[in-house]
Amino acid sequence: MKNWLFLAVAIVAEVLATSGLKASEGFTKLWPSLLVVLGYAIAFYFLSLSLKAIPVGIAYAIWAGMGIVLISVAGWLIYGQKLDFASMVGMVLIVAGVVVINVFSKASVH
């Protein structure tokens, strides 16, 4: 169970770091730039911890999929970026894929 918590921390840290990329304005602003570096360091550290028990393909699929969805929502909420119908359908399909992996895959460790 703790490996899934590690993966969740990695996902949240990656989303925070990626959100900071836009705010850093090409690493010209100190605090958002520090958020990016620290966020990615935390993300990769906790992703590596999760890989002790979760297969790399499964962990990466979940990390990347949830990262895409969460950063899209963050861009919409924080930066006012638009999400059209097609992007929302795509995100629903990504989440559905993560659910299928977790519920039905025998490769996923629970």
N, C-alpha and C. Protein backbone atom coordinates (compact mmCIF):
# COMPACT_ATOMS: atom_id res chain seq x y z
N MET A 1 0.82 -1.20 0.00
CA MET A 1 0.00 0.00 0.00
C MET A 1 0.86 1.27 0.00
N LYS A 2 1.99 1.22 0.72
CA LYS A 2 2.82 2.43 0.78
C LYS A 2 3.41 2.75 -0.58
N ASN A 3 3.60 1.75 -1.43
CA ASN A 3 4.14 2.01 -2.77
C ASN A 3 3.17 2.83 -3.61
N TRP A 4 1.87 2.61 -3.40
CA TRP A 4 0.87 3.40 -4.10
C TRP A 4 0.84 4.82 -3.56
N LEU A 5 1.09 4.98 -2.28
CA LEU A 5 1.20 6.31 -1.70
C LEU A 5 2.42 7.04 -2.27
N PHE A 6 3.53 6.32 -2.42
CA PHE A 6 4.73 6.90 -3.03
C PHE A 6 4.42 7.37 -4.45
N LEU A 7 3.67 6.55 -5.20
CA LEU A 7 3.31 6.93 -6.56
C LEU A 7 2.41 8.16 -6.56
N ALA A 8 1.48 8.24 -5.63
CA ALA A 8 0.60 9.42 -5.54
C ALA A 8 1.40 10.68 -5.23
N VAL A 9 2.37 10.58 -4.32
CA VAL A 9 3.22 11.72 -4.00
C VAL A 9 4.02 12.14 -5.24
N ALA A 10 4.53 11.16 -5.99
CA ALA A 10 5.28 11.45 -7.21
C ALA A 10 4.41 12.20 -8.22
N ILE A 11 3.16 11.78 -8.35
CA ILE A 11 2.25 12.42 -9.31
C ILE A 11 1.97 13.87 -8.89
N VAL A 12 1.66 14.07 -7.62
CA VAL A 12 1.36 15.43 -7.14
C VAL A 12 2.58 16.34 -7.30
N ALA A 13 3.76 15.83 -6.95
CA ALA A 13 4.99 16.64 -7.07
C ALA A 13 5.27 16.99 -8.52
N GLU A 14 5.02 16.04 -9.42
CA GLU A 14 5.24 16.30 -10.85
C GLU A 14 4.28 17.35 -11.37
N VAL A 15 3.03 17.31 -10.93
CA VAL A 15 2.04 18.29 -11.37
C VAL A 15 2.40 19.68 -10.84
N LEU A 16 2.83 19.76 -9.58
CA LEU A 16 3.27 21.05 -9.03
C LEU A 16 4.48 21.59 -9.79
N ALA A 17 5.43 20.71 -10.08
CA ALA A 17 6.63 21.15 -10.81
C ALA A 17 6.29 21.63 -12.21
N THR A 18 5.43 20.89 -12.90
CA THR A 18 5.05 21.28 -14.26
C THR A 18 4.27 22.58 -14.25
N SER A 19 3.41 22.77 -13.25
CA SER A 19 2.70 24.04 -13.11
C SER A 19 3.69 25.18 -12.90
N GLY A 20 4.73 24.91 -12.15
CA GLY A 20 5.76 25.92 -11.90
C GLY A 20 6.55 26.29 -13.13
N LEU A 21 6.63 25.38 -14.11
CA LEU A 21 7.36 25.68 -15.35
C LEU A 21 6.80 26.91 -16.04
N LYS A 22 5.48 26.97 -16.14
CA LYS A 22 4.88 28.14 -16.79
C LYS A 22 5.13 29.40 -15.96
N ALA A 23 4.96 29.28 -14.65
CA ALA A 23 5.15 30.44 -13.77
C ALA A 23 6.61 30.92 -13.74
N SER A 24 7.55 30.01 -14.01
CA SER A 24 8.97 30.39 -13.96
C SER A 24 9.39 31.27 -15.13
N GLU A 25 8.55 31.32 -16.17
CA GLU A 25 8.83 32.12 -17.37
C GLU A 25 10.24 31.86 -17.90
N GLY A 26 10.48 30.57 -18.20
CA GLY A 26 11.78 30.19 -18.76
C GLY A 26 12.90 30.26 -17.73
N PHE A 27 12.59 29.93 -16.49
CA PHE A 27 13.55 29.95 -15.38
C PHE A 27 14.11 31.35 -15.13
N THR A 28 13.30 32.38 -15.39
CA THR A 28 13.74 33.75 -15.11
C THR A 28 13.20 34.26 -13.77
N LYS A 29 12.29 33.52 -13.16
CA LYS A 29 11.75 33.89 -11.84
C LYS A 29 12.22 32.86 -10.83
N LEU A 30 12.82 33.33 -9.75
CA LEU A 30 13.49 32.46 -8.78
C LEU A 30 12.56 31.45 -8.12
N TRP A 31 11.50 31.89 -7.46
CA TRP A 31 10.68 30.98 -6.65
C TRP A 31 9.97 29.93 -7.48
N PRO A 32 9.35 30.28 -8.60
CA PRO A 32 8.77 29.21 -9.42
C PRO A 32 9.83 28.26 -9.97
N SER A 33 11.01 28.78 -10.27
CA SER A 33 12.10 27.92 -10.76
C SER A 33 12.54 26.93 -9.69
N LEU A 34 12.62 27.39 -8.45
CA LEU A 34 12.96 26.49 -7.35
C LEU A 34 11.88 25.44 -7.15
N LEU A 35 10.62 25.84 -7.30
CA LEU A 35 9.51 24.89 -7.22
C LEU A 35 9.65 23.79 -8.27
N VAL A 36 10.04 24.17 -9.47
CA VAL A 36 10.22 23.21 -10.56
C VAL A 36 11.30 22.19 -10.19
N VAL A 37 12.46 22.67 -9.81
CA VAL A 37 13.58 21.78 -9.50
C VAL A 37 13.26 20.87 -8.31
N LEU A 38 12.74 21.45 -7.26
CA LEU A 38 12.40 20.66 -6.08
C LEU A 38 11.26 19.68 -6.38
N GLY A 39 10.26 20.14 -7.10
CA GLY A 39 9.12 19.28 -7.44
C GLY A 39 9.53 18.08 -8.25
N TYR A 40 10.36 18.29 -9.26
CA TYR A 40 10.80 17.16 -10.08
C TYR A 40 11.72 16.22 -9.29
N ALA A 41 12.56 16.77 -8.43
CA ALA A 41 13.42 15.91 -7.60
C ALA A 41 12.56 15.02 -6.70
N ILE A 42 11.55 15.60 -6.08
CA ILE A 42 10.65 14.82 -5.23
C ILE A 42 9.89 13.79 -6.07
N ALA A 43 9.40 14.22 -7.23
CA ALA A 43 8.63 13.33 -8.10
C ALA A 43 9.44 12.10 -8.50
N PHE A 44 10.65 12.31 -8.96
CA PHE A 44 11.46 11.18 -9.41
C PHE A 44 11.91 10.30 -8.24
N TYR A 45 12.18 10.92 -7.10
CA TYR A 45 12.56 10.12 -5.93
C TYR A 45 11.42 9.19 -5.51
N PHE A 46 10.21 9.75 -5.39
CA PHE A 46 9.09 8.92 -4.96
C PHE A 46 8.65 7.94 -6.05
N LEU A 47 8.81 8.32 -7.31
CA LEU A 47 8.54 7.36 -8.39
C LEU A 47 9.50 6.18 -8.27
N SER A 48 10.76 6.46 -8.00
CA SER A 48 11.74 5.38 -7.87
C SER A 48 11.41 4.48 -6.68
N LEU A 49 10.91 5.05 -5.59
CA LEU A 49 10.51 4.22 -4.44
C LEU A 49 9.33 3.33 -4.79
N SER A 50 8.38 3.86 -5.55
CA SER A 50 7.21 3.06 -5.92
C SER A 50 7.59 1.88 -6.82
N LEU A 51 8.68 2.03 -7.57
CA LEU A 51 9.10 0.98 -8.50
C LEU A 51 9.69 -0.24 -7.81
N LYS A 52 9.87 -0.17 -6.50
CA LYS A 52 10.34 -1.34 -5.76
C LYS A 52 9.29 -2.44 -5.76
N ALA A 53 8.01 -2.07 -5.91
CA ALA A 53 6.95 -3.07 -5.88
C ALA A 53 6.00 -2.99 -7.07
N ILE A 54 5.88 -1.82 -7.67
CA ILE A 54 4.96 -1.67 -8.80
C ILE A 54 5.76 -1.81 -10.10
N PRO A 55 5.31 -2.65 -11.04
CA PRO A 55 6.02 -2.78 -12.31
C PRO A 55 6.18 -1.43 -13.01
N VAL A 56 7.32 -1.21 -13.62
CA VAL A 56 7.65 0.09 -14.21
C VAL A 56 6.62 0.54 -15.25
N GLY A 57 6.15 -0.37 -16.08
CA GLY A 57 5.18 -0.01 -17.10
C GLY A 57 3.86 0.45 -16.50
N ILE A 58 3.43 -0.24 -15.46
CA ILE A 58 2.19 0.12 -14.79
C ILE A 58 2.34 1.47 -14.07
N ALA A 59 3.44 1.62 -13.31
CA ALA A 59 3.67 2.86 -12.56
C ALA A 59 3.77 4.04 -13.51
N TYR A 60 4.49 3.87 -14.61
CA TYR A 60 4.67 4.98 -15.53
C TYR A 60 3.37 5.33 -16.24
N ALA A 61 2.58 4.33 -16.60
CA ALA A 61 1.29 4.59 -17.25
C ALA A 61 0.39 5.40 -16.33
N ILE A 62 0.35 5.03 -15.07
CA ILE A 62 -0.48 5.75 -14.10
C ILE A 62 0.08 7.15 -13.86
N TRP A 63 1.39 7.24 -13.67
CA TRP A 63 2.04 8.53 -13.41
C TRP A 63 1.82 9.50 -14.58
N ALA A 64 2.07 9.02 -15.78
CA ALA A 64 1.93 9.88 -16.95
C ALA A 64 0.46 10.23 -17.21
N GLY A 65 -0.41 9.23 -17.13
CA GLY A 65 -1.82 9.47 -17.40
C GLY A 65 -2.45 10.44 -16.43
N MET A 66 -2.23 10.20 -15.15
CA MET A 66 -2.79 11.10 -14.15
C MET A 66 -2.13 12.47 -14.20
N GLY A 67 -0.84 12.50 -14.54
CA GLY A 67 -0.16 13.78 -14.69
C GLY A 67 -0.77 14.61 -15.81
N ILE A 68 -1.09 13.97 -16.93
CA ILE A 68 -1.71 14.67 -18.06
C ILE A 68 -3.04 15.28 -17.64
N VAL A 69 -3.86 14.48 -17.00
CA VAL A 69 -5.18 14.95 -16.59
C VAL A 69 -5.07 16.07 -15.56
N LEU A 70 -4.26 15.85 -14.53
CA LEU A 70 -4.16 16.85 -13.45
C LEU A 70 -3.52 18.15 -13.92
N ILE A 71 -2.51 18.08 -14.78
CA ILE A 71 -1.89 19.32 -15.25
C ILE A 71 -2.83 20.07 -16.21
N SER A 72 -3.65 19.33 -16.94
CA SER A 72 -4.64 19.98 -17.79
C SER A 72 -5.67 20.72 -16.94
N VAL A 73 -6.12 20.10 -15.87
CA VAL A 73 -7.07 20.74 -14.95
C VAL A 73 -6.40 21.94 -14.26
N ALA A 74 -5.15 21.78 -13.85
CA ALA A 74 -4.43 22.89 -13.22
C ALA A 74 -4.28 24.05 -14.19
N GLY A 75 -3.95 23.78 -15.44
CA GLY A 75 -3.85 24.84 -16.44
C GLY A 75 -5.16 25.56 -16.64
N TRP A 76 -6.24 24.83 -16.59
CA TRP A 76 -7.58 25.41 -16.73
C TRP A 76 -7.91 26.29 -15.52
N LEU A 77 -7.64 25.76 -14.30
CA LEU A 77 -7.98 26.49 -13.08
C LEU A 77 -7.04 27.67 -12.80
N ILE A 78 -5.75 27.45 -12.95
CA ILE A 78 -4.76 28.46 -12.56
C ILE A 78 -4.49 29.46 -13.67
N TYR A 79 -4.33 28.97 -14.90
CA TYR A 79 -3.91 29.84 -16.00
C TYR A 79 -5.04 30.19 -16.97
N GLY A 80 -6.24 29.70 -16.70
CA GLY A 80 -7.37 30.03 -17.56
C GLY A 80 -7.29 29.42 -18.95
N GLN A 81 -6.54 28.35 -19.09
CA GLN A 81 -6.41 27.69 -20.39
C GLN A 81 -7.71 26.94 -20.71
N LYS A 82 -8.05 26.91 -21.96
CA LYS A 82 -9.32 26.32 -22.39
C LYS A 82 -9.20 24.81 -22.57
N LEU A 83 -10.26 24.12 -22.21
CA LEU A 83 -10.38 22.69 -22.47
C LEU A 83 -11.62 22.50 -23.34
N ASP A 84 -11.43 21.98 -24.55
CA ASP A 84 -12.58 21.76 -25.41
C ASP A 84 -13.14 20.35 -25.17
N PHE A 85 -14.22 20.05 -25.86
CA PHE A 85 -14.90 18.77 -25.68
C PHE A 85 -13.97 17.59 -25.97
N ALA A 86 -13.21 17.69 -27.05
CA ALA A 86 -12.31 16.60 -27.42
C ALA A 86 -11.25 16.35 -26.35
N SER A 87 -10.71 17.42 -25.77
CA SER A 87 -9.70 17.23 -24.73
C SER A 87 -10.30 16.61 -23.48
N MET A 88 -11.54 16.97 -23.16
CA MET A 88 -12.19 16.38 -21.99
C MET A 88 -12.49 14.90 -22.22
N VAL A 89 -12.94 14.56 -23.43
CA VAL A 89 -13.18 13.15 -23.75
C VAL A 89 -11.88 12.37 -23.66
N GLY A 90 -10.81 12.94 -24.18
CA GLY A 90 -9.51 12.28 -24.10
C GLY A 90 -9.07 12.05 -22.67
N MET A 91 -9.29 13.03 -21.80
CA MET A 91 -8.91 12.87 -20.39
C MET A 91 -9.76 11.81 -19.70
N VAL A 92 -11.05 11.74 -20.05
CA VAL A 92 -11.91 10.68 -19.50
C VAL A 92 -11.37 9.32 -19.93
N LEU A 93 -10.94 9.20 -21.17
CA LEU A 93 -10.38 7.94 -21.66
C LEU A 93 -9.08 7.59 -20.94
N ILE A 94 -8.26 8.59 -20.65
CA ILE A 94 -7.02 8.35 -19.90
C ILE A 94 -7.34 7.82 -18.51
N VAL A 95 -8.27 8.46 -17.83
CA VAL A 95 -8.66 8.01 -16.49
C VAL A 95 -9.25 6.61 -16.57
N ALA A 96 -10.06 6.35 -17.58
CA ALA A 96 -10.62 5.01 -17.75
C ALA A 96 -9.51 3.98 -17.94
N GLY A 97 -8.47 4.34 -18.69
CA GLY A 97 -7.34 3.43 -18.87
C GLY A 97 -6.62 3.14 -17.57
N VAL A 98 -6.45 4.15 -16.74
CA VAL A 98 -5.82 3.95 -15.43
C VAL A 98 -6.68 3.03 -14.57
N VAL A 99 -8.00 3.21 -14.61
CA VAL A 99 -8.90 2.35 -13.85
C VAL A 99 -8.81 0.92 -14.35
N VAL A 100 -8.82 0.72 -15.66
CA VAL A 100 -8.72 -0.63 -16.23
C VAL A 100 -7.43 -1.30 -15.78
N ILE A 101 -6.33 -0.58 -15.83
CA ILE A 101 -5.04 -1.14 -15.39
C ILE A 101 -5.13 -1.57 -13.93
N ASN A 102 -5.67 -0.72 -13.09
CA ASN A 102 -5.71 -1.01 -11.65
C ASN A 102 -6.72 -2.08 -11.28
N VAL A 103 -7.83 -2.14 -11.97
CA VAL A 103 -8.88 -3.08 -11.59
C VAL A 103 -8.73 -4.44 -12.28
N PHE A 104 -8.33 -4.44 -13.53
CA PHE A 104 -8.36 -5.67 -14.30
C PHE A 104 -7.00 -6.28 -14.63
N SER A 105 -5.95 -5.51 -14.57
CA SER A 105 -4.64 -6.02 -14.98
C SER A 105 -4.05 -6.95 -13.93
N LYS A 106 -3.59 -8.09 -14.38
CA LYS A 106 -2.90 -9.02 -13.48
C LYS A 106 -1.44 -8.59 -13.28
N ALA A 107 -0.95 -7.68 -14.13
CA ALA A 107 0.42 -7.19 -14.01
C ALA A 107 0.54 -6.15 -12.90
N SER A 108 -0.59 -5.54 -12.55
CA SER A 108 -0.58 -4.52 -11.51
C SER A 108 -0.54 -5.17 -10.13
N VAL A 109 0.34 -4.68 -9.27
CA VAL A 109 0.49 -5.22 -7.93
C VAL A 109 -0.42 -4.45 -6.98
N HIS A 110 -1.28 -5.14 -6.26
CA HIS A 110 -2.20 -4.47 -5.31
C HIS A 110 -1.87 -4.84 -3.90
